């Protein structure tokens, strides 16, 4: 009996100690304090737990975040960092895991997290905006992203341009075919359907035509407002302030519960409603940062921007701007005929 009593007392003391530690960690996290661990890439931690930006490292975080939003792969960023001799905070070369962990840290956006949840604003200076950070997380967590590049799309219009044969409309695929010169090949876009009347067209000629039309559209001054895509109600700053206000309300509800002004059931109900609104605001921030593929062209030279984009980002631009339908050539020979390509603004038939 004595042993059981002593064991129960010990368990109670252990549980109380664990609870005190959890409360202390939560309070520290909500106050934005550093909870310890490996030195974080991007900051210099002071003895009192405060931090200042390591400007060189913070610049790399910003650059990598912008590259992800522009369609770059983790592998290309890892290769670039290692090629330039940039190491992690522990002096090691970068890999997929270490880079992803750095880019997904809430502290990059000036937020503090505990056990997987954002619990408040960090006292450390932010490296990127919250909308940018959420956009990066949305891109990296997209299940359609694949680390393998073995089946990566390499051609601009593959799966985008469609066959204009009557009753078809299938997306064209890229393929290599032999030329009249032995041992040489060229790329064509062709319909996967078999039989006469379907489309096969030289890839270089079709891409040059489509890109020329696209850049012409993007260069028109009257299209500038659409490229900017500004909306005060859904601007990154408005969404950020909404998220801050919602988190503050959740904190106030928690204080009311601690002071026994509301019940646990009331707290849960309040948090459920606020969390739903917060999730919507955070998702909107992610979409805003990831943004329209056209936002990269706002106020800039379309030709230079186009050349700087990855193939994935270029394909996003084509999808957003236009539909491309390639008509059968009939007996017009192998000379490329632009009249057999129907390019229409997205949303029109």
C-alpha atoms as a PDB file:
ATOM      1  CA  UNK A   1       0.000   0.000   0.000  1.00  0.00           C
ATOM      2  CA  UNK A   2       2.817   2.381   0.918  1.00  0.00           C
ATOM      3  CA  UNK A   3       4.600   1.640  -2.346  1.00  0.00           C
ATOM      4  CA  UNK A   4       1.435   2.278  -4.348  1.00  0.00           C
ATOM      5  CA  UNK A   5       0.816   5.592  -2.557  1.00  0.00           C
ATOM      6  CA  UNK A   6       4.381   6.721  -3.143  1.00  0.00           C
ATOM      7  CA  UNK A   7       4.127   5.668  -6.816  1.00  0.00           C
ATOM      8  CA  UNK A   8       0.878   7.621  -7.247  1.00  0.00           C
ATOM      9  CA  UNK A   9       2.433  10.705  -5.644  1.00  0.00           C
ATOM     10  CA  UNK A  10       5.484  10.426  -7.889  1.00  0.00           C
ATOM     11  CA  UNK A  11       3.321  10.112 -10.986  1.00  0.00           C
ATOM     12  CA  UNK A  12       1.287  13.148  -9.930  1.00  0.00           C
ATOM     13  CA  UNK A  13       4.435  15.206  -9.372  1.00  0.00           C
ATOM     14  CA  UNK A  14       5.798  14.085 -12.755  1.00  0.00           C
ATOM     15  CA  UNK A  15       2.542  15.008 -14.516  1.00  0.00           C
ATOM     16  CA  UNK A  16       2.469  18.409 -12.812  1.00  0.00           C
ATOM     17  CA  UNK A  17       6.087  19.014 -13.767  1.00  0.00           C
ATOM     18  CA  UNK A  18       5.384  18.073 -17.387  1.00  0.00           C
ATOM     19  CA  UNK A  19       2.363  20.348 -17.432  1.00  0.00           C
ATOM     20  CA  UNK A  20       4.409  23.237 -16.020  1.00  0.00           C
ATOM     21  CA  UNK A  21       7.056  22.672 -18.678  1.00  0.00           C
ATOM     22  CA  UNK A  22       4.429  22.611 -21.443  1.00  0.00           C
ATOM     23  CA  UNK A  23       2.846  25.806 -20.126  1.00  0.00           C
ATOM     24  CA  UNK A  24       6.238  27.485 -19.916  1.00  0.00           C
ATOM     25  CA  UNK A  25       7.066  26.444 -23.484  1.00  0.00           C
ATOM     26  CA  UNK A  26       3.693  27.692 -24.732  1.00  0.00           C
ATOM     27  CA  UNK A  27       4.103  31.025 -22.949  1.00  0.00           C
ATOM     28  CA  UNK A  28       7.624  31.401 -24.305  1.00  0.00           C
ATOM     29  CA  UNK A  29       6.483  30.506 -27.839  1.00  0.00           C
ATOM     30  CA  UNK A  30       3.526  32.913 -27.645  1.00  0.00           C
ATOM     31  CA  UNK A  31       5.915  35.615 -26.513  1.00  0.00           C
ATOM     32  CA  UNK A  32       8.089  34.866 -29.549  1.00  0.00           C
ATOM     33  CA  UNK A  33      11.065  33.675 -27.502  1.00  0.00           C
ATOM     34  CA  UNK A  34      13.719  31.280 -28.803  1.00  0.00           C
ATOM     35  CA  UNK A  35      13.181  27.753 -27.442  1.00  0.00           C
ATOM     36  CA  UNK A  36      16.673  26.523 -28.210  1.00  0.00           C
ATOM     37  CA  UNK A  37      18.057  24.030 -30.691  1.00  0.00           C
ATOM     38  CA  UNK A  38      20.485  24.193 -33.600  1.00  0.00           C
ATOM     39  CA  UNK A  39      21.511  27.691 -34.734  1.00  0.00           C
ATOM     40  CA  UNK A  40      19.023  28.803 -37.408  1.00  0.00           C
ATOM     41  CA  UNK A  41      20.196  29.748 -40.885  1.00  0.00           C
ATOM     42  CA  UNK A  42      19.452  33.420 -41.501  1.00  0.00           C
ATOM     43  CA  UNK A  43      19.932  34.895 -38.030  1.00  0.00           C
ATOM     44  CA  UNK A  44      22.550  35.517 -35.375  1.00  0.00           C
ATOM     45  CA  UNK A  45      21.270  34.474 -31.940  1.00  0.00           C
ATOM     46  CA  UNK A  46      22.343  36.607 -28.975  1.00  0.00           C
ATOM     47  CA  UNK A  47      23.011  35.343 -25.458  1.00  0.00           C
ATOM     48  CA  UNK A  48      19.636  36.623 -24.222  1.00  0.00           C
ATOM     49  CA  UNK A  49      17.720  34.685 -26.922  1.00  0.00           C
ATOM     50  CA  UNK A  50      17.129  37.682 -29.169  1.00  0.00           C
ATOM     51  CA  UNK A  51      18.375  37.660 -32.740  1.00  0.00           C
ATOM     52  CA  UNK A  52      19.501  39.874 -35.580  1.00  0.00           C
ATOM     53  CA  UNK A  53      19.488  39.042 -39.260  1.00  0.00           C
ATOM     54  CA  UNK A  54      22.540  37.491 -40.820  1.00  0.00           C
ATOM     55  CA  UNK A  55      22.192  39.554 -43.977  1.00  0.00           C
ATOM     56  CA  UNK A  56      24.052  37.187 -46.282  1.00  0.00           C
ATOM     57  CA  UNK A  57      22.115  34.117 -45.117  1.00  0.00           C
ATOM     58  CA  UNK A  58      18.797  35.964 -45.031  1.00  0.00           C
ATOM     59  CA  UNK A  59      19.411  37.037 -48.623  1.00  0.00           C
ATOM     60  CA  UNK A  60      19.796  33.375 -49.604  1.00  0.00           C
ATOM     61  CA  UNK A  61      16.489  32.497 -47.905  1.00  0.00           C
ATOM     62  CA  UNK A  62      14.690  35.304 -49.732  1.00  0.00           C
ATOM     63  CA  UNK A  63      16.275  34.365 -53.031  1.00  0.00           C
ATOM     64  CA  UNK A  64      15.351  30.694 -52.637  1.00  0.00           C
ATOM     65  CA  UNK A  65      11.777  31.565 -51.609  1.00  0.00           C
ATOM     66  CA  UNK A  66      11.316  33.757 -54.675  1.00  0.00           C
ATOM     67  CA  UNK A  67      12.796  31.039 -56.882  1.00  0.00           C
ATOM     68  CA  UNK A  68      10.323  28.449 -55.563  1.00  0.00           C
ATOM     69  CA  UNK A  69       7.410  30.794 -56.266  1.00  0.00           C
ATOM     70  CA  UNK A  70       8.806  31.340 -59.769  1.00  0.00           C
ATOM     71  CA  UNK A  71       8.674  27.606 -60.444  1.00  0.00           C
ATOM     72  CA  UNK A  72      12.242  26.542 -59.645  1.00  0.00           C
ATOM     73  CA  UNK A  73      12.843  23.081 -58.203  1.00  0.00           C
ATOM     74  CA  UNK A  74      14.453  22.352 -54.854  1.00  0.00           C
ATOM     75  CA  UNK A  75      17.154  20.413 -56.697  1.00  0.00           C
ATOM     76  CA  UNK A  76      18.175  23.392 -58.823  1.00  0.00           C
ATOM     77  CA  UNK A  77      18.416  25.640 -55.743  1.00  0.00           C
ATOM     78  CA  UNK A  78      20.402  23.006 -53.811  1.00  0.00           C
ATOM     79  CA  UNK A  79      22.814  22.673 -56.736  1.00  0.00           C
ATOM     80  CA  UNK A  80      23.246  26.447 -56.967  1.00  0.00           C
ATOM     81  CA  UNK A  81      23.911  26.855 -53.226  1.00  0.00           C
ATOM     82  CA  UNK A  82      26.471  24.050 -53.168  1.00  0.00           C
ATOM     83  CA  UNK A  83      28.133  25.292 -56.361  1.00  0.00           C
ATOM     84  CA  UNK A  84      28.628  28.736 -54.773  1.00  0.00           C
ATOM     85  CA  UNK A  85      29.953  27.226 -51.550  1.00  0.00           C
ATOM     86  CA  UNK A  86      27.040  28.368 -49.391  1.00  0.00           C
ATOM     87  CA  UNK A  87      26.686  25.961 -46.450  1.00  0.00           C
ATOM     88  CA  UNK A  88      24.026  25.319 -43.831  1.00  0.00           C
ATOM     89  CA  UNK A  89      24.277  26.896 -40.374  1.00  0.00           C
ATOM     90  CA  UNK A  90      26.220  23.810 -39.267  1.00  0.00           C
ATOM     91  CA  UNK A  91      28.698  24.085 -42.136  1.00  0.00           C
ATOM     92  CA  UNK A  92      27.348  21.181 -44.189  1.00  0.00           C
ATOM     93  CA  UNK A  93      26.358  21.049 -47.871  1.00  0.00           C
ATOM     94  CA  UNK A  94      22.691  21.515 -48.679  1.00  0.00           C
ATOM     95  CA  UNK A  95      20.291  18.722 -49.606  1.00  0.00           C
ATOM     96  CA  UNK A  96      16.565  18.505 -50.359  1.00  0.00           C
ATOM     97  CA  UNK A  97      15.590  17.964 -46.717  1.00  0.00           C
ATOM     98  CA  UNK A  98      17.713  20.714 -45.172  1.00  0.00           C
ATOM     99  CA  UNK A  99      16.616  23.310 -47.732  1.00  0.00           C
ATOM    100  CA  UNK A 100      12.951  22.402 -47.428  1.00  0.00           C
ATOM    101  CA  UNK A 101      13.108  22.624 -43.632  1.00  0.00           C
ATOM    102  CA  UNK A 102      14.653  26.093 -43.831  1.00  0.00           C
ATOM    103  CA  UNK A 103      12.120  27.402 -46.353  1.00  0.00           C
ATOM    104  CA  UNK A 104       9.107  26.051 -44.419  1.00  0.00           C
ATOM    105  CA  UNK A 105      10.064  27.619 -41.061  1.00  0.00           C
ATOM    106  CA  UNK A 106       7.320  29.956 -39.744  1.00  0.00           C
ATOM    107  CA  UNK A 107      10.024  32.087 -38.146  1.00  0.00           C
ATOM    108  CA  UNK A 108      11.023  33.181 -41.678  1.00  0.00           C
ATOM    109  CA  UNK A 109       7.773  35.175 -41.682  1.00  0.00           C
ATOM    110  CA  UNK A 110       8.156  36.434 -38.112  1.00  0.00           C
ATOM    111  CA  UNK A 111       5.890  33.753 -36.619  1.00  0.00           C
ATOM    112  CA  UNK A 112       6.475  31.512 -33.634  1.00  0.00           C
ATOM    113  CA  UNK A 113       5.458  27.850 -33.709  1.00  0.00           C
ATOM    114  CA  UNK A 114       5.057  25.160 -31.053  1.00  0.00           C
ATOM    115  CA  UNK A 115       4.356  21.486 -31.750  1.00  0.00           C
ATOM    116  CA  UNK A 116       3.440  22.135 -35.354  1.00  0.00           C
ATOM    117  CA  UNK A 117       1.085  25.087 -34.793  1.00  0.00           C
ATOM    118  CA  UNK A 118       1.611  28.825 -35.172  1.00  0.00           C
ATOM    119  CA  UNK A 119       1.059  30.300 -31.710  1.00  0.00           C
ATOM    120  CA  UNK A 120       1.984  33.938 -32.136  1.00  0.00           C
ATOM    121  CA  UNK A 121       4.348  36.501 -33.550  1.00  0.00           C
ATOM    122  CA  UNK A 122       8.069  36.017 -33.087  1.00  0.00           C
ATOM    123  CA  UNK A 123      10.265  38.707 -31.600  1.00  0.00           C
ATOM    124  CA  UNK A 124      12.867  37.886 -34.246  1.00  0.00           C
ATOM    125  CA  UNK A 125      12.990  39.990 -37.432  1.00  0.00           C
ATOM    126  CA  UNK A 126      11.205  38.390 -40.374  1.00  0.00           C
ATOM    127  CA  UNK A 127      13.120  37.429 -43.509  1.00  0.00           C
ATOM    128  CA  UNK A 128      10.123  37.254 -45.874  1.00  0.00           C
ATOM    129  CA  UNK A 129       6.492  38.336 -45.696  1.00  0.00           C
ATOM    130  CA  UNK A 130       3.910  35.941 -44.292  1.00  0.00           C
ATOM    131  CA  UNK A 131       2.178  35.702 -47.654  1.00  0.00           C
ATOM    132  CA  UNK A 132       5.469  34.769 -49.337  1.00  0.00           C
ATOM    133  CA  UNK A 133       6.197  32.120 -46.697  1.00  0.00           C
ATOM    134  CA  UNK A 134       2.721  30.625 -47.003  1.00  0.00           C
ATOM    135  CA  UNK A 135       3.037  30.638 -50.778  1.00  0.00           C
ATOM    136  CA  UNK A 136       6.317  28.729 -50.564  1.00  0.00           C
ATOM    137  CA  UNK A 137       4.774  26.189 -48.180  1.00  0.00           C
ATOM    138  CA  UNK A 138       1.807  25.748 -50.521  1.00  0.00           C
ATOM    139  CA  UNK A 139       4.126  25.069 -53.457  1.00  0.00           C
ATOM    140  CA  UNK A 140       6.387  22.653 -51.569  1.00  0.00           C
ATOM    141  CA  UNK A 141       3.435  20.737 -50.109  1.00  0.00           C
ATOM    142  CA  UNK A 142       1.624  20.451 -53.421  1.00  0.00           C
ATOM    143  CA  UNK A 143       1.217  16.677 -54.011  1.00  0.00           C
ATOM    144  CA  UNK A 144       1.590  17.186 -57.756  1.00  0.00           C
ATOM    145  CA  UNK A 145       5.243  18.204 -57.276  1.00  0.00           C
ATOM    146  CA  UNK A 146       7.607  15.312 -57.910  1.00  0.00           C
ATOM    147  CA  UNK A 147      11.239  15.154 -56.925  1.00  0.00           C
ATOM    148  CA  UNK A 148      12.038  12.767 -59.742  1.00  0.00           C
ATOM    149  CA  UNK A 149      12.838  14.438 -63.049  1.00  0.00           C
ATOM    150  CA  UNK A 150      12.690  11.295 -65.181  1.00  0.00           C
ATOM    151  CA  UNK A 151       9.180  12.101 -66.435  1.00  0.00           C
ATOM    152  CA  UNK A 152       9.407  15.878 -66.200  1.00  0.00           C
ATOM    153  CA  UNK A 153       7.697  17.859 -68.962  1.00  0.00           C
ATOM    154  CA  UNK A 154      10.369  19.432 -71.145  1.00  0.00           C
ATOM    155  CA  UNK A 155       8.286  20.968 -73.929  1.00  0.00           C
ATOM    156  CA  UNK A 156       6.221  24.114 -73.652  1.00  0.00           C
ATOM    157  CA  UNK A 157       2.976  23.005 -75.284  1.00  0.00           C
ATOM    158  CA  UNK A 158       2.880  19.289 -74.465  1.00  0.00           C
ATOM    159  CA  UNK A 159      -0.526  18.571 -72.940  1.00  0.00           C
ATOM    160  CA  UNK A 160      -1.628  22.200 -73.503  1.00  0.00           C
ATOM    161  CA  UNK A 161      -2.132  22.530 -77.265  1.00  0.00           C
ATOM    162  CA  UNK A 162      -4.976  20.392 -78.555  1.00  0.00           C
ATOM    163  CA  UNK A 163      -5.777  18.575 -81.781  1.00  0.00           C
ATOM    164  CA  UNK A 164      -8.187  20.519 -83.975  1.00  0.00           C
ATOM    165  CA  UNK A 165      -9.400  17.518 -85.963  1.00  0.00           C
ATOM    166  CA  UNK A 166     -13.176  17.309 -86.055  1.00  0.00           C
ATOM    167  CA  UNK A 167     -14.502  15.636 -82.912  1.00  0.00           C
ATOM    168  CA  UNK A 168     -11.024  15.177 -81.365  1.00  0.00           C
ATOM    169  CA  UNK A 169      -9.655  17.869 -79.043  1.00  0.00           C
ATOM    170  CA  UNK A 170      -7.064  15.590 -77.397  1.00  0.00           C
ATOM    171  CA  UNK A 171      -3.980  17.269 -75.897  1.00  0.00           C
ATOM    172  CA  UNK A 172      -0.927  16.991 -78.131  1.00  0.00           C
ATOM    173  CA  UNK A 173       2.139  15.062 -76.996  1.00  0.00           C
ATOM    174  CA  UNK A 174       5.775  15.646 -77.881  1.00  0.00           C
ATOM    175  CA  UNK A 175       7.727  13.041 -79.800  1.00  0.00           C
ATOM    176  CA  UNK A 176      11.089  12.702 -81.570  1.00  0.00           C
ATOM    177  CA  UNK A 177      11.033  11.718 -85.234  1.00  0.00           C
ATOM    178  CA  UNK A 178      13.816  11.074 -87.715  1.00  0.00           C
ATOM    179  CA  UNK A 179      14.631  13.644 -90.373  1.00  0.00           C
ATOM    180  CA  UNK A 180      15.760  13.205 -93.963  1.00  0.00           C
ATOM    181  CA  UNK A 181      19.346  13.375 -92.709  1.00  0.00           C
ATOM    182  CA  UNK A 182      20.445  10.015 -91.244  1.00  0.00           C
ATOM    183  CA  UNK A 183      21.041  10.054 -87.492  1.00  0.00           C
ATOM    184  CA  UNK A 184      19.259  13.341 -86.857  1.00  0.00           C
ATOM    185  CA  UNK A 185      15.944  13.939 -85.098  1.00  0.00           C
ATOM    186  CA  UNK A 186      13.436  16.713 -84.579  1.00  0.00           C
ATOM    187  CA  UNK A 187      10.644  17.202 -82.059  1.00  0.00           C
ATOM    188  CA  UNK A 188       7.020  17.333 -83.127  1.00  0.00           C
ATOM    189  CA  UNK A 189       3.713  17.767 -81.360  1.00  0.00           C
ATOM    190  CA  UNK A 190       1.235  15.161 -82.448  1.00  0.00           C
ATOM    191  CA  UNK A 191      -2.155  13.856 -81.492  1.00  0.00           C
ATOM    192  CA  UNK A 192      -2.102  10.545 -79.588  1.00  0.00           C
ATOM    193  CA  UNK A 193      -5.109   9.366 -81.594  1.00  0.00           C
ATOM    194  CA  UNK A 194      -4.343   7.082 -84.528  1.00  0.00           C
ATOM    195  CA  UNK A 195      -5.742   7.328 -88.018  1.00  0.00           C
ATOM    196  CA  UNK A 196      -5.803   9.962 -90.763  1.00  0.00           C
ATOM    197  CA  UNK A 197      -6.818  13.577 -90.193  1.00  0.00           C
ATOM    198  CA  UNK A 198      -5.122  14.113 -86.834  1.00  0.00           C
ATOM    199  CA  UNK A 199      -2.409  16.653 -86.105  1.00  0.00           C
ATOM    200  CA  UNK A 200       1.374  16.485 -86.228  1.00  0.00           C
ATOM    201  CA  UNK A 201       3.308  19.757 -86.241  1.00  0.00           C
ATOM    202  CA  UNK A 202       6.950  20.832 -85.897  1.00  0.00           C
ATOM    203  CA  UNK A 203       7.547  21.736 -82.251  1.00  0.00           C
ATOM    204  CA  UNK A 204      10.042  24.577 -82.784  1.00  0.00           C
ATOM    205  CA  UNK A 205       7.834  26.355 -85.319  1.00  0.00           C
ATOM    206  CA  UNK A 206       4.672  25.977 -83.228  1.00  0.00           C
ATOM    207  CA  UNK A 207       6.367  27.161 -80.026  1.00  0.00           C
ATOM    208  CA  UNK A 208       7.921  30.168 -81.755  1.00  0.00           C
ATOM    209  CA  UNK A 209       4.511  31.139 -83.129  1.00  0.00           C
ATOM    210  CA  UNK A 210       2.695  30.767 -79.803  1.00  0.00           C
ATOM    211  CA  UNK A 211       5.399  32.579 -77.807  1.00  0.00           C
ATOM    212  CA  UNK A 212       5.378  35.449 -80.312  1.00  0.00           C
ATOM    213  CA  UNK A 213       1.625  35.896 -79.905  1.00  0.00           C
ATOM    214  CA  UNK A 214       1.894  35.551 -76.123  1.00  0.00           C
ATOM    215  CA  UNK A 215       4.619  38.184 -75.722  1.00  0.00           C
ATOM    216  CA  UNK A 216       2.667  40.502 -78.013  1.00  0.00           C
ATOM    217  CA  UNK A 217      -0.329  40.227 -75.694  1.00  0.00           C
ATOM    218  CA  UNK A 218       1.769  40.786 -72.590  1.00  0.00           C
ATOM    219  CA  UNK A 219       3.440  43.853 -74.126  1.00  0.00           C
ATOM    220  CA  UNK A 220       0.175  45.744 -74.698  1.00  0.00           C
ATOM    221  CA  UNK A 221      -0.224  48.685 -72.249  1.00  0.00           C
ATOM    222  CA  UNK A 222      -3.966  48.046 -71.887  1.00  0.00           C
ATOM    223  CA  UNK A 223      -3.200  44.675 -70.292  1.00  0.00           C
ATOM    224  CA  UNK A 224      -1.080  46.166 -67.480  1.00  0.00           C
ATOM    225  CA  UNK A 225      -3.928  46.261 -64.875  1.00  0.00           C
ATOM    226  CA  UNK A 226      -4.647  42.577 -65.440  1.00  0.00           C
ATOM    227  CA  UNK A 227      -0.974  41.742 -64.956  1.00  0.00           C
ATOM    228  CA  UNK A 228      -0.770  43.662 -61.672  1.00  0.00           C
ATOM    229  CA  UNK A 229      -3.898  41.923 -60.385  1.00  0.00           C
ATOM    230  CA  UNK A 230      -4.235  44.317 -57.449  1.00  0.00           C
ATOM    231  CA  UNK A 231      -7.236  44.013 -55.148  1.00  0.00           C
ATOM    232  CA  UNK A 232      -7.237  45.971 -51.890  1.00  0.00           C
ATOM    233  CA  UNK A 233      -9.562  43.475 -50.199  1.00  0.00           C
ATOM    234  CA  UNK A 234      -7.228  40.572 -50.885  1.00  0.00           C
ATOM    235  CA  UNK A 235      -3.870  42.325 -50.747  1.00  0.00           C
ATOM    236  CA  UNK A 236      -1.121  40.546 -48.783  1.00  0.00           C
ATOM    237  CA  UNK A 237      -1.143  43.282 -46.114  1.00  0.00           C
ATOM    238  CA  UNK A 238      -4.929  43.130 -45.645  1.00  0.00           C
ATOM    239  CA  UNK A 239      -4.811  39.355 -45.333  1.00  0.00           C
ATOM    240  CA  UNK A 240      -1.891  39.526 -42.904  1.00  0.00           C
ATOM    241  CA  UNK A 241      -3.715  41.999 -40.671  1.00  0.00           C
ATOM    242  CA  UNK A 242      -6.816  39.809 -40.737  1.00  0.00           C
ATOM    243  CA  UNK A 243      -4.748  36.800 -39.659  1.00  0.00           C
ATOM    244  CA  UNK A 244      -3.131  38.805 -36.843  1.00  0.00           C
ATOM    245  CA  UNK A 245      -6.552  39.933 -35.604  1.00  0.00           C
ATOM    246  CA  UNK A 246      -7.947  36.393 -35.655  1.00  0.00           C
ATOM    247  CA  UNK A 247      -4.986  35.020 -33.717  1.00  0.00           C
ATOM    248  CA  UNK A 248      -5.414  37.812 -31.176  1.00  0.00           C
ATOM    249  CA  UNK A 249      -9.077  36.856 -30.731  1.00  0.00           C
ATOM    250  CA  UNK A 250      -8.077  33.235 -30.157  1.00  0.00           C
ATOM    251  CA  UNK A 251      -5.583  34.400 -27.548  1.00  0.00           C
ATOM    252  CA  UNK A 252      -8.252  36.489 -25.816  1.00  0.00           C
ATOM    253  CA  UNK A 253     -10.596  33.485 -25.748  1.00  0.00           C
ATOM    254  CA  UNK A 254      -7.862  31.385 -24.159  1.00  0.00           C
ATOM    255  CA  UNK A 255      -7.344  34.066 -21.489  1.00  0.00           C
ATOM    256  CA  UNK A 256     -11.082  34.129 -20.763  1.00  0.00           C
ATOM    257  CA  UNK A 257     -11.074  30.360 -20.334  1.00  0.00           C
ATOM    258  CA  UNK A 258      -8.081  30.567 -17.990  1.00  0.00           C
ATOM    259  CA  UNK A 259      -9.980  33.141 -15.916  1.00  0.00           C
ATOM    260  CA  UNK A 260     -13.070  30.836 -15.879  1.00  0.00           C
ATOM    261  CA  UNK A 261     -15.147  33.436 -17.727  1.00  0.00           C
ATOM    262  CA  UNK A 262     -16.125  30.880 -20.366  1.00  0.00           C
ATOM    263  CA  UNK A 263     -16.380  27.099 -20.364  1.00  0.00           C
ATOM    264  CA  UNK A 264     -14.225  24.637 -22.273  1.00  0.00           C
ATOM    265  CA  UNK A 265     -17.120  23.964 -24.638  1.00  0.00           C
ATOM    266  CA  UNK A 266     -17.478  27.684 -25.348  1.00  0.00           C
ATOM    267  CA  UNK A 267     -13.729  28.003 -25.931  1.00  0.00           C
ATOM    268  CA  UNK A 268     -13.796  25.102 -28.394  1.00  0.00           C
ATOM    269  CA  UNK A 269     -16.747  26.628 -30.260  1.00  0.00           C
ATOM    270  CA  UNK A 270     -15.074  30.048 -30.478  1.00  0.00           C
ATOM    271  CA  UNK A 271     -11.768  28.557 -31.637  1.00  0.00           C
ATOM    272  CA  UNK A 272     -13.458  26.394 -34.262  1.00  0.00           C
ATOM    273  CA  UNK A 273     -15.099  29.433 -35.854  1.00  0.00           C
ATOM    274  CA  UNK A 274     -11.988  31.588 -35.657  1.00  0.00           C
ATOM    275  CA  UNK A 275      -9.776  28.769 -36.951  1.00  0.00           C
ATOM    276  CA  UNK A 276     -11.995  28.345 -39.991  1.00  0.00           C
ATOM    277  CA  UNK A 277     -11.654  32.043 -40.832  1.00  0.00           C
ATOM    278  CA  UNK A 278      -7.923  31.904 -40.112  1.00  0.00           C
ATOM    279  CA  UNK A 279      -7.477  28.922 -42.431  1.00  0.00           C
ATOM    280  CA  UNK A 280      -9.260  30.859 -45.191  1.00  0.00           C
ATOM    281  CA  UNK A 281      -7.049  33.910 -44.663  1.00  0.00           C
ATOM    282  CA  UNK A 282      -3.865  31.843 -44.634  1.00  0.00           C
ATOM    283  CA  UNK A 283      -4.904  29.980 -47.778  1.00  0.00           C
ATOM    284  CA  UNK A 284      -5.609  33.312 -49.476  1.00  0.00           C
ATOM    285  CA  UNK A 285      -2.155  34.559 -48.469  1.00  0.00           C
ATOM    286  CA  UNK A 286      -0.603  31.464 -50.018  1.00  0.00           C
ATOM    287  CA  UNK A 287      -2.547  31.992 -53.239  1.00  0.00           C
ATOM    288  CA  UNK A 288      -1.595  35.667 -53.287  1.00  0.00           C
ATOM    289  CA  UNK A 289       2.109  34.896 -52.932  1.00  0.00           C
ATOM    290  CA  UNK A 290       2.017  32.069 -55.414  1.00  0.00           C
ATOM    291  CA  UNK A 291      -0.156  34.390 -57.375  1.00  0.00           C
ATOM    292  CA  UNK A 292      -1.084  34.725 -60.972  1.00  0.00           C
ATOM    293  CA  UNK A 293       1.609  33.537 -63.328  1.00  0.00           C
ATOM    294  CA  UNK A 294       1.232  36.906 -65.056  1.00  0.00           C
ATOM    295  CA  UNK A 295       2.248  38.935 -61.994  1.00  0.00           C
ATOM    296  CA  UNK A 296       5.906  38.449 -62.893  1.00  0.00           C
ATOM    297  CA  UNK A 297       5.383  40.517 -66.048  1.00  0.00           C
ATOM    298  CA  UNK A 298       3.840  43.562 -64.355  1.00  0.00           C
ATOM    299  CA  UNK A 299       5.901  46.653 -65.211  1.00  0.00           C
ATOM    300  CA  UNK A 300       8.760  44.627 -66.684  1.00  0.00           C
ATOM    301  CA  UNK A 301      10.090  43.704 -70.115  1.00  0.00           C
ATOM    302  CA  UNK A 302       8.075  40.616 -71.141  1.00  0.00           C
ATOM    303  CA  UNK A 303      10.909  39.199 -73.265  1.00  0.00           C
ATOM    304  CA  UNK A 304      13.434  39.340 -70.409  1.00  0.00           C
ATOM    305  CA  UNK A 305      10.953  37.916 -67.902  1.00  0.00           C
ATOM    306  CA  UNK A 306       9.996  35.096 -70.251  1.00  0.00           C
ATOM    307  CA  UNK A 307      13.632  34.088 -70.740  1.00  0.00           C
ATOM    308  CA  UNK A 308      14.178  34.004 -66.968  1.00  0.00           C
ATOM    309  CA  UNK A 309      11.250  31.672 -66.197  1.00  0.00           C
ATOM    310  CA  UNK A 310      11.473  27.927 -65.740  1.00  0.00           C
ATOM    311  CA  UNK A 311       9.638  25.676 -68.200  1.00  0.00           C
ATOM    312  CA  UNK A 312       6.960  24.951 -65.562  1.00  0.00           C
ATOM    313  CA  UNK A 313       6.316  28.660 -65.003  1.00  0.00           C
ATOM    314  CA  UNK A 314       6.196  29.317 -68.755  1.00  0.00           C
ATOM    315  CA  UNK A 315       3.570  26.606 -69.124  1.00  0.00           C
ATOM    316  CA  UNK A 316       1.559  28.240 -66.322  1.00  0.00           C
ATOM    317  CA  UNK A 317       1.623  31.520 -68.253  1.00  0.00           C
ATOM    318  CA  UNK A 318       0.413  29.888 -71.472  1.00  0.00           C
ATOM    319  CA  UNK A 319      -2.399  28.094 -69.613  1.00  0.00           C
ATOM    320  CA  UNK A 320      -3.516  31.308 -67.961  1.00  0.00           C
ATOM    321  CA  UNK A 321      -3.478  33.481 -71.075  1.00  0.00           C
ATOM    322  CA  UNK A 322      -4.689  31.370 -74.003  1.00  0.00           C
ATOM    323  CA  UNK A 323      -5.946  28.187 -75.557  1.00  0.00           C
ATOM    324  CA  UNK A 324      -4.030  26.699 -78.504  1.00  0.00           C
ATOM    325  CA  UNK A 325      -5.805  24.501 -81.039  1.00  0.00           C
ATOM    326  CA  UNK A 326      -3.834  23.072 -83.975  1.00  0.00           C
ATOM    327  CA  UNK A 327      -5.792  22.257 -87.131  1.00  0.00           C
ATOM    328  CA  UNK A 328      -4.928  19.408 -89.511  1.00  0.00           C
ATOM    329  CA  UNK A 329      -2.660  20.440 -92.378  1.00  0.00           C
ATOM    330  CA  UNK A 330      -4.372  18.388 -95.054  1.00  0.00           C
ATOM    331  CA  UNK A 331      -2.254  18.461 -98.203  1.00  0.00           C
ATOM    332  CA  UNK A 332      -0.477  21.736 -97.584  1.00  0.00           C
ATOM    333  CA  UNK A 333       2.874  20.037 -97.232  1.00  0.00           C
ATOM    334  CA  UNK A 334       5.441  20.268 -94.444  1.00  0.00           C
ATOM    335  CA  UNK A 335       5.792  24.078 -94.430  1.00  0.00           C
ATOM    336  CA  UNK A 336       4.504  25.547 -91.184  1.00  0.00           C
ATOM    337  CA  UNK A 337       1.284  27.484 -91.704  1.00  0.00           C
ATOM    338  CA  UNK A 338       0.281  29.852 -88.846  1.00  0.00           C
ATOM    339  CA  UNK A 339      -3.266  30.010 -90.235  1.00  0.00           C
ATOM    340  CA  UNK A 340      -3.732  26.439 -89.059  1.00  0.00           C
ATOM    341  CA  UNK A 341      -3.263  27.416 -85.401  1.00  0.00           C
ATOM    342  CA  UNK A 342      -6.189  28.868 -83.458  1.00  0.00           C
ATOM    343  CA  UNK A 343      -4.971  30.923 -80.484  1.00  0.00           C
ATOM    344  CA  UNK A 344      -7.770  32.375 -78.356  1.00  0.00           C
ATOM    345  CA  UNK A 345      -7.860  34.239 -75.031  1.00  0.00           C
ATOM    346  CA  UNK A 346      -8.559  31.953 -72.099  1.00  0.00           C
ATOM    347  CA  UNK A 347     -12.247  31.689 -71.334  1.00  0.00           C
ATOM    348  CA  UNK A 348     -13.407  32.152 -74.923  1.00  0.00           C
ATOM    349  CA  UNK A 349     -14.525  29.369 -77.248  1.00  0.00           C
END
